[in-house]
N, C-alpha and C. Protein backbone atom coordinates (compact mmCIF):
# COMPACT_ATOMS: atom_id res chain seq x y z
N UNK A 1 0.82 -1.20 0.00
CA UNK A 1 0.00 0.00 0.00
C UNK A 1 0.86 1.25 0.00
N UNK A 2 0.36 2.25 -0.64
CA UNK A 2 1.07 3.51 -0.75
C UNK A 2 0.25 4.59 -0.05
N UNK A 3 0.80 5.19 1.03
CA UNK A 3 0.06 6.17 1.81
C UNK A 3 -0.02 7.54 1.14
N UNK A 4 0.92 7.85 0.24
CA UNK A 4 0.90 9.17 -0.38
C UNK A 4 0.59 9.11 -1.87
N UNK A 5 0.05 8.01 -2.35
CA UNK A 5 -0.32 7.87 -3.76
C UNK A 5 -1.72 8.44 -3.98
N UNK A 6 -1.94 8.91 -5.19
CA UNK A 6 -3.27 9.37 -5.56
C UNK A 6 -4.13 8.19 -5.97
N UNK A 7 -5.27 8.07 -5.35
CA UNK A 7 -6.22 7.04 -5.72
C UNK A 7 -7.50 7.73 -6.16
N UNK A 8 -7.92 7.47 -7.34
CA UNK A 8 -9.15 8.08 -7.84
C UNK A 8 -10.32 7.14 -7.69
N UNK A 9 -11.48 7.73 -7.57
CA UNK A 9 -12.71 6.96 -7.55
C UNK A 9 -13.59 7.45 -8.68
N UNK A 10 -14.22 6.52 -9.34
CA UNK A 10 -15.17 6.87 -10.40
C UNK A 10 -16.48 6.18 -10.11
N UNK A 11 -17.55 6.84 -10.49
CA UNK A 11 -18.88 6.29 -10.34
C UNK A 11 -19.56 6.36 -11.71
N UNK A 12 -19.34 5.33 -12.53
CA UNK A 12 -19.92 5.37 -13.88
C UNK A 12 -21.43 5.48 -13.83
N UNK A 13 -21.98 6.30 -14.71
CA UNK A 13 -23.43 6.48 -14.77
C UNK A 13 -24.07 5.66 -15.87
N UNK A 14 -23.25 4.98 -16.67
CA UNK A 14 -23.81 4.14 -17.74
C UNK A 14 -22.92 2.91 -17.92
N UNK A 15 -23.51 1.87 -18.49
CA UNK A 15 -22.76 0.64 -18.76
C UNK A 15 -21.66 0.94 -19.77
N UNK A 16 -20.58 0.19 -19.67
CA UNK A 16 -19.52 0.38 -20.65
C UNK A 16 -18.22 -0.24 -20.20
N UNK A 17 -17.22 -0.05 -21.03
CA UNK A 17 -15.87 -0.52 -20.73
C UNK A 17 -15.03 0.71 -20.43
N UNK A 18 -14.38 0.69 -19.29
CA UNK A 18 -13.59 1.82 -18.83
C UNK A 18 -12.14 1.38 -18.69
N UNK A 19 -11.23 2.27 -19.04
CA UNK A 19 -9.81 1.97 -18.95
C UNK A 19 -9.14 2.79 -17.88
N UNK A 20 -8.13 2.18 -17.26
CA UNK A 20 -7.32 2.85 -16.25
C UNK A 20 -5.88 2.71 -16.70
N UNK A 21 -5.21 3.84 -16.86
CA UNK A 21 -3.80 3.81 -17.25
C UNK A 21 -2.95 4.03 -16.01
N UNK A 22 -1.91 3.20 -15.89
CA UNK A 22 -1.01 3.25 -14.75
C UNK A 22 0.39 3.56 -15.27
N UNK A 23 1.06 4.49 -14.62
CA UNK A 23 2.41 4.85 -15.03
C UNK A 23 3.30 5.01 -13.80
N UNK A 24 4.60 4.85 -13.99
CA UNK A 24 5.50 5.07 -12.86
C UNK A 24 5.75 6.56 -12.71
N UNK A 25 6.48 6.93 -11.68
CA UNK A 25 6.68 8.35 -11.39
C UNK A 25 7.46 9.09 -12.46
N UNK A 26 8.20 8.37 -13.29
CA UNK A 26 8.96 9.01 -14.37
C UNK A 26 8.24 8.91 -15.71
N UNK A 27 7.04 8.36 -15.70
CA UNK A 27 6.23 8.14 -16.90
C UNK A 27 6.95 7.25 -17.92
N UNK A 28 7.81 6.37 -17.41
CA UNK A 28 8.54 5.45 -18.30
C UNK A 28 7.73 4.20 -18.60
N UNK A 29 6.94 3.81 -17.65
CA UNK A 29 6.18 2.58 -17.81
C UNK A 29 4.70 2.93 -17.79
N UNK A 30 4.00 2.51 -18.81
CA UNK A 30 2.57 2.75 -18.88
C UNK A 30 1.87 1.44 -19.17
N UNK A 31 0.84 1.17 -18.43
CA UNK A 31 0.04 -0.02 -18.68
C UNK A 31 -1.42 0.38 -18.51
N UNK A 32 -2.28 -0.17 -19.32
CA UNK A 32 -3.70 0.16 -19.25
C UNK A 32 -4.49 -1.11 -18.95
N UNK A 33 -5.41 -0.97 -18.02
CA UNK A 33 -6.28 -2.07 -17.64
C UNK A 33 -7.70 -1.67 -17.99
N UNK A 34 -8.48 -2.60 -18.49
CA UNK A 34 -9.85 -2.33 -18.89
C UNK A 34 -10.82 -3.11 -18.01
N UNK A 35 -11.90 -2.44 -17.66
CA UNK A 35 -12.92 -3.05 -16.82
C UNK A 35 -14.27 -2.81 -17.45
N UNK A 36 -15.10 -3.82 -17.40
CA UNK A 36 -16.46 -3.71 -17.90
C UNK A 36 -17.39 -3.46 -16.72
N UNK A 37 -18.24 -2.43 -16.84
CA UNK A 37 -19.16 -2.06 -15.77
C UNK A 37 -20.60 -2.20 -16.24
N UNK A 38 -21.42 -2.72 -15.35
CA UNK A 38 -22.86 -2.69 -15.53
C UNK A 38 -23.40 -1.89 -14.37
N UNK A 39 -24.01 -0.77 -14.68
CA UNK A 39 -24.50 0.14 -13.64
C UNK A 39 -25.95 -0.23 -13.32
N UNK A 40 -26.22 -0.45 -12.06
CA UNK A 40 -27.56 -0.77 -11.61
C UNK A 40 -28.02 0.32 -10.65
N UNK A 41 -29.31 0.54 -10.60
CA UNK A 41 -29.85 1.52 -9.68
C UNK A 41 -29.57 1.05 -8.27
N UNK A 42 -28.94 1.88 -7.48
CA UNK A 42 -28.54 1.45 -6.14
C UNK A 42 -29.50 1.91 -5.05
N UNK A 43 -30.59 2.56 -5.44
CA UNK A 43 -31.57 3.02 -4.46
C UNK A 43 -32.87 2.25 -4.64
N UNK A 44 -33.36 1.70 -3.56
CA UNK A 44 -34.67 1.03 -3.59
C UNK A 44 -35.64 1.91 -2.81
N UNK A 45 -36.79 2.19 -3.42
CA UNK A 45 -37.76 3.10 -2.81
C UNK A 45 -39.16 2.54 -3.01
N UNK A 46 -39.92 2.50 -1.92
CA UNK A 46 -41.32 2.08 -1.99
C UNK A 46 -42.13 2.96 -1.06
N UNK A 47 -43.30 3.39 -1.54
CA UNK A 47 -44.19 4.19 -0.72
C UNK A 47 -45.61 3.65 -0.90
N UNK A 48 -46.32 3.36 0.19
CA UNK A 48 -47.71 2.90 0.07
C UNK A 48 -48.62 4.03 -0.39
N UNK A 49 -49.82 3.69 -0.82
CA UNK A 49 -50.74 4.72 -1.30
C UNK A 49 -51.91 4.96 -0.33
N UNK A 50 -51.91 4.27 0.81
CA UNK A 50 -52.95 4.48 1.82
C UNK A 50 -52.43 4.02 3.18
N UNK A 51 -53.00 4.59 4.25
CA UNK A 51 -52.71 4.10 5.60
C UNK A 51 -53.89 4.42 6.50
N UNK A 52 -53.95 3.71 7.63
CA UNK A 52 -55.09 3.82 8.54
C UNK A 52 -54.61 4.06 9.97
N UNK A 53 -54.31 5.30 10.32
CA UNK A 53 -53.81 5.59 11.67
C UNK A 53 -54.93 5.55 12.72
N UNK A 54 -55.43 4.35 12.99
CA UNK A 54 -56.56 4.21 13.93
C UNK A 54 -56.18 3.48 15.21
N UNK A 55 -54.88 3.23 15.40
CA UNK A 55 -54.42 2.63 16.65
C UNK A 55 -54.58 1.13 16.76
N UNK A 56 -54.93 0.45 15.65
CA UNK A 56 -55.11 -1.00 15.73
C UNK A 56 -53.80 -1.78 15.50
N UNK A 57 -52.71 -1.06 15.28
CA UNK A 57 -51.42 -1.72 15.08
C UNK A 57 -51.14 -2.14 13.65
N UNK A 58 -52.08 -1.91 12.74
CA UNK A 58 -51.91 -2.26 11.34
C UNK A 58 -51.96 -0.99 10.49
N UNK A 59 -50.91 -0.74 9.74
CA UNK A 59 -50.85 0.44 8.85
C UNK A 59 -51.12 1.75 9.57
N UNK A 60 -50.65 1.87 10.82
CA UNK A 60 -50.89 3.09 11.59
C UNK A 60 -49.94 4.22 11.22
N UNK A 61 -48.82 3.90 10.59
CA UNK A 61 -47.81 4.90 10.26
C UNK A 61 -47.56 4.93 8.76
N UNK A 62 -47.27 6.12 8.26
CA UNK A 62 -47.00 6.31 6.84
C UNK A 62 -45.54 6.74 6.68
N UNK A 63 -44.80 5.98 5.89
CA UNK A 63 -43.37 6.26 5.72
C UNK A 63 -42.86 5.55 4.47
N UNK A 64 -41.77 6.08 3.89
CA UNK A 64 -41.17 5.40 2.75
C UNK A 64 -40.29 4.26 3.22
N UNK A 65 -40.24 3.21 2.44
CA UNK A 65 -39.27 2.15 2.67
C UNK A 65 -38.13 2.41 1.71
N UNK A 66 -36.96 2.69 2.27
CA UNK A 66 -35.80 3.08 1.47
C UNK A 66 -34.63 2.18 1.84
N UNK A 67 -33.96 1.69 0.83
CA UNK A 67 -32.78 0.87 1.06
C UNK A 67 -31.65 1.40 0.18
N UNK A 68 -30.47 1.35 0.70
CA UNK A 68 -29.25 1.78 0.00
C UNK A 68 -29.29 3.28 -0.31
N UNK A 69 -29.48 4.07 0.73
CA UNK A 69 -29.49 5.53 0.61
C UNK A 69 -28.61 6.12 1.69
N UNK A 70 -28.15 7.34 1.46
CA UNK A 70 -27.39 8.06 2.47
C UNK A 70 -28.37 8.68 3.46
N UNK A 71 -28.08 8.60 4.75
CA UNK A 71 -29.05 9.06 5.75
C UNK A 71 -29.14 10.58 5.89
N UNK A 72 -28.16 11.32 5.38
CA UNK A 72 -28.22 12.78 5.49
C UNK A 72 -28.87 13.37 4.24
N UNK A 73 -29.20 14.64 4.31
CA UNK A 73 -29.87 15.33 3.20
C UNK A 73 -31.20 14.67 2.84
N UNK A 74 -31.95 14.28 3.85
CA UNK A 74 -33.23 13.62 3.66
C UNK A 74 -34.36 14.58 4.02
N UNK A 75 -35.42 14.59 3.22
CA UNK A 75 -36.62 15.37 3.53
C UNK A 75 -37.85 14.55 3.17
N UNK A 76 -38.82 14.55 4.07
CA UNK A 76 -40.09 13.86 3.86
C UNK A 76 -41.18 14.84 4.28
N UNK A 77 -42.02 15.24 3.33
CA UNK A 77 -43.04 16.25 3.59
C UNK A 77 -44.42 15.74 3.18
N UNK A 78 -45.42 16.14 3.96
CA UNK A 78 -46.82 15.84 3.66
C UNK A 78 -47.54 17.17 3.47
N UNK A 79 -48.32 17.26 2.38
CA UNK A 79 -49.06 18.48 2.05
C UNK A 79 -50.55 18.18 2.02
N UNK A 80 -51.36 19.17 2.40
CA UNK A 80 -52.80 19.03 2.24
C UNK A 80 -53.18 19.43 0.81
N UNK A 81 -54.47 19.37 0.50
CA UNK A 81 -54.93 19.67 -0.87
C UNK A 81 -54.71 21.13 -1.26
N UNK A 82 -54.54 21.99 -0.28
CA UNK A 82 -54.29 23.41 -0.56
C UNK A 82 -52.79 23.68 -0.78
N UNK A 83 -51.97 22.67 -0.61
CA UNK A 83 -50.52 22.83 -0.82
C UNK A 83 -49.75 23.25 0.41
N UNK A 84 -50.40 23.25 1.56
CA UNK A 84 -49.72 23.61 2.81
C UNK A 84 -49.07 22.37 3.43
N UNK A 85 -47.86 22.55 3.97
CA UNK A 85 -47.19 21.44 4.66
C UNK A 85 -47.92 21.17 5.97
N UNK A 86 -48.34 19.92 6.17
CA UNK A 86 -49.02 19.55 7.41
C UNK A 86 -48.14 18.69 8.31
N UNK A 87 -47.02 18.19 7.74
CA UNK A 87 -46.07 17.40 8.54
C UNK A 87 -44.79 17.28 7.74
N UNK A 88 -43.63 17.26 8.43
CA UNK A 88 -42.36 17.08 7.75
C UNK A 88 -41.31 16.57 8.72
N UNK A 89 -40.29 15.93 8.16
CA UNK A 89 -39.16 15.45 8.95
C UNK A 89 -37.92 15.40 8.07
N UNK A 90 -36.76 15.49 8.72
CA UNK A 90 -35.50 15.28 8.02
C UNK A 90 -34.80 14.02 8.54
N UNK A 91 -35.53 13.23 9.31
CA UNK A 91 -35.03 11.96 9.85
C UNK A 91 -35.46 10.84 8.90
N UNK A 92 -34.49 10.12 8.36
CA UNK A 92 -34.79 9.06 7.40
C UNK A 92 -35.62 7.94 8.03
N UNK A 93 -35.66 7.89 9.34
CA UNK A 93 -36.48 6.91 10.05
C UNK A 93 -37.84 7.50 10.46
N UNK A 94 -38.12 8.74 10.08
CA UNK A 94 -39.35 9.42 10.48
C UNK A 94 -40.59 8.79 9.87
N UNK A 95 -41.68 8.76 10.66
CA UNK A 95 -42.94 8.15 10.23
C UNK A 95 -44.09 9.05 10.64
N UNK A 96 -45.01 9.28 9.71
CA UNK A 96 -46.17 10.13 10.01
C UNK A 96 -47.28 9.29 10.61
N UNK A 97 -47.82 9.76 11.74
CA UNK A 97 -48.89 9.05 12.44
C UNK A 97 -50.26 9.66 12.18
N UNK A 98 -50.34 10.60 11.23
CA UNK A 98 -51.62 11.23 10.90
C UNK A 98 -51.94 12.45 11.72
N UNK A 99 -51.04 12.84 12.63
CA UNK A 99 -51.25 14.04 13.43
C UNK A 99 -50.70 15.24 12.67
N UNK A 100 -51.48 16.32 12.64
CA UNK A 100 -51.07 17.54 11.94
C UNK A 100 -50.06 18.31 12.78
N UNK A 101 -48.93 18.68 12.19
CA UNK A 101 -47.89 19.42 12.91
C UNK A 101 -48.42 20.73 13.45
N UNK A 102 -48.02 21.05 14.68
CA UNK A 102 -48.40 22.30 15.30
C UNK A 102 -49.85 22.37 15.72
N UNK A 103 -50.59 21.30 15.54
CA UNK A 103 -52.02 21.30 15.83
C UNK A 103 -52.38 20.21 16.83
N UNK A 104 -51.65 19.13 16.80
CA UNK A 104 -51.88 17.96 17.65
C UNK A 104 -53.24 17.32 17.44
N UNK A 105 -53.90 17.64 16.32
CA UNK A 105 -55.16 16.98 15.98
C UNK A 105 -54.87 15.93 14.91
N UNK A 106 -55.67 14.88 14.93
CA UNK A 106 -55.57 13.88 13.89
C UNK A 106 -56.22 14.39 12.61
N UNK A 107 -55.57 14.16 11.50
CA UNK A 107 -56.16 14.51 10.21
C UNK A 107 -57.34 13.59 9.94
N UNK A 108 -58.33 14.13 9.26
CA UNK A 108 -59.52 13.34 8.90
C UNK A 108 -59.26 12.60 7.59
N UNK A 109 -60.17 11.70 7.24
CA UNK A 109 -60.06 10.94 6.00
C UNK A 109 -59.99 11.90 4.81
N UNK A 110 -58.90 11.82 4.09
CA UNK A 110 -58.72 12.63 2.89
C UNK A 110 -57.43 12.23 2.19
N UNK A 111 -57.22 12.78 1.02
CA UNK A 111 -56.03 12.55 0.23
C UNK A 111 -54.98 13.61 0.57
N UNK A 112 -53.73 13.17 0.71
CA UNK A 112 -52.61 14.07 0.95
C UNK A 112 -51.56 13.84 -0.13
N UNK A 113 -50.74 14.83 -0.34
CA UNK A 113 -49.62 14.74 -1.27
C UNK A 113 -48.35 14.60 -0.44
N UNK A 114 -47.45 13.76 -0.88
CA UNK A 114 -46.18 13.58 -0.19
C UNK A 114 -45.02 13.86 -1.14
N UNK A 115 -43.91 14.22 -0.57
CA UNK A 115 -42.68 14.46 -1.33
C UNK A 115 -41.51 13.96 -0.49
N UNK A 116 -40.61 13.22 -1.12
CA UNK A 116 -39.42 12.71 -0.45
C UNK A 116 -38.20 13.08 -1.28
N UNK A 117 -37.20 13.61 -0.62
CA UNK A 117 -35.91 13.86 -1.25
C UNK A 117 -34.85 13.10 -0.46
N UNK A 118 -34.06 12.31 -1.18
CA UNK A 118 -33.07 11.46 -0.53
C UNK A 118 -31.86 11.32 -1.45
N UNK A 119 -30.69 11.11 -0.88
CA UNK A 119 -29.48 10.92 -1.68
C UNK A 119 -29.19 9.43 -1.83
N UNK A 120 -28.92 9.01 -3.07
CA UNK A 120 -28.55 7.62 -3.29
C UNK A 120 -27.09 7.41 -2.90
N UNK A 121 -26.59 6.22 -3.04
CA UNK A 121 -25.23 5.91 -2.61
C UNK A 121 -24.17 6.64 -3.43
N UNK A 122 -24.55 7.18 -4.56
CA UNK A 122 -23.63 7.98 -5.37
C UNK A 122 -23.74 9.47 -5.00
N UNK A 123 -24.51 9.76 -3.95
CA UNK A 123 -24.73 11.12 -3.44
C UNK A 123 -25.56 11.97 -4.40
N UNK A 124 -26.25 11.34 -5.33
CA UNK A 124 -27.14 12.05 -6.23
C UNK A 124 -28.48 12.25 -5.53
N UNK A 125 -28.97 13.50 -5.53
CA UNK A 125 -30.25 13.80 -4.89
C UNK A 125 -31.39 13.28 -5.75
N UNK A 126 -32.23 12.45 -5.16
CA UNK A 126 -33.37 11.86 -5.87
C UNK A 126 -34.64 12.42 -5.23
N UNK A 127 -35.63 12.69 -6.08
CA UNK A 127 -36.89 13.26 -5.60
C UNK A 127 -38.04 12.37 -6.03
N UNK A 128 -38.93 12.08 -5.09
CA UNK A 128 -40.11 11.26 -5.35
C UNK A 128 -41.32 12.01 -4.81
N UNK A 129 -42.47 11.83 -5.45
CA UNK A 129 -43.69 12.44 -4.94
C UNK A 129 -44.88 11.60 -5.36
N UNK A 130 -45.97 11.79 -4.66
CA UNK A 130 -47.18 11.04 -4.96
C UNK A 130 -48.28 11.43 -4.00
N UNK A 131 -49.29 10.60 -3.93
CA UNK A 131 -50.41 10.87 -3.04
C UNK A 131 -50.67 9.68 -2.14
N UNK A 132 -51.30 9.96 -1.02
CA UNK A 132 -51.64 8.92 -0.05
C UNK A 132 -53.03 9.22 0.48
N UNK A 133 -53.81 8.18 0.65
CA UNK A 133 -55.15 8.31 1.22
C UNK A 133 -55.07 7.94 2.70
N UNK A 134 -55.45 8.89 3.56
CA UNK A 134 -55.54 8.63 4.98
C UNK A 134 -56.97 8.18 5.25
N UNK A 135 -57.11 6.98 5.80
CA UNK A 135 -58.44 6.41 6.06
C UNK A 135 -58.64 6.26 7.56
N UNK A 136 -59.78 6.66 8.03
CA UNK A 136 -60.12 6.50 9.46
C UNK A 136 -61.21 5.46 9.58
């Protein structure tokens, strides 16, 4: 191992064959190595389209299921039909229980809009949005 050598990292965004050229410090020796890459989506994301926060222990919380994401730079927001934020968190483990922020009242049966922003393992910011039906 070399403690003062430059090591580069690449994160290919498309399939292909990539070459790495290696040379000595005097540029006398050059060798090129080729690698074939298949790029796969490294973020798994699932969001349900309904939940029932009625305290029965089934579907009481609304949250995204995310795998292979960076835990920082996360935002999860819930909007009402008028476009006002009714709940939000920056905790990737955060879950909405149907209580309206700043109000402490339970939201009634209706459709809400959600938005999630999360960074994948390549640190690319990904944005997802959709709707969820809150059922009582």
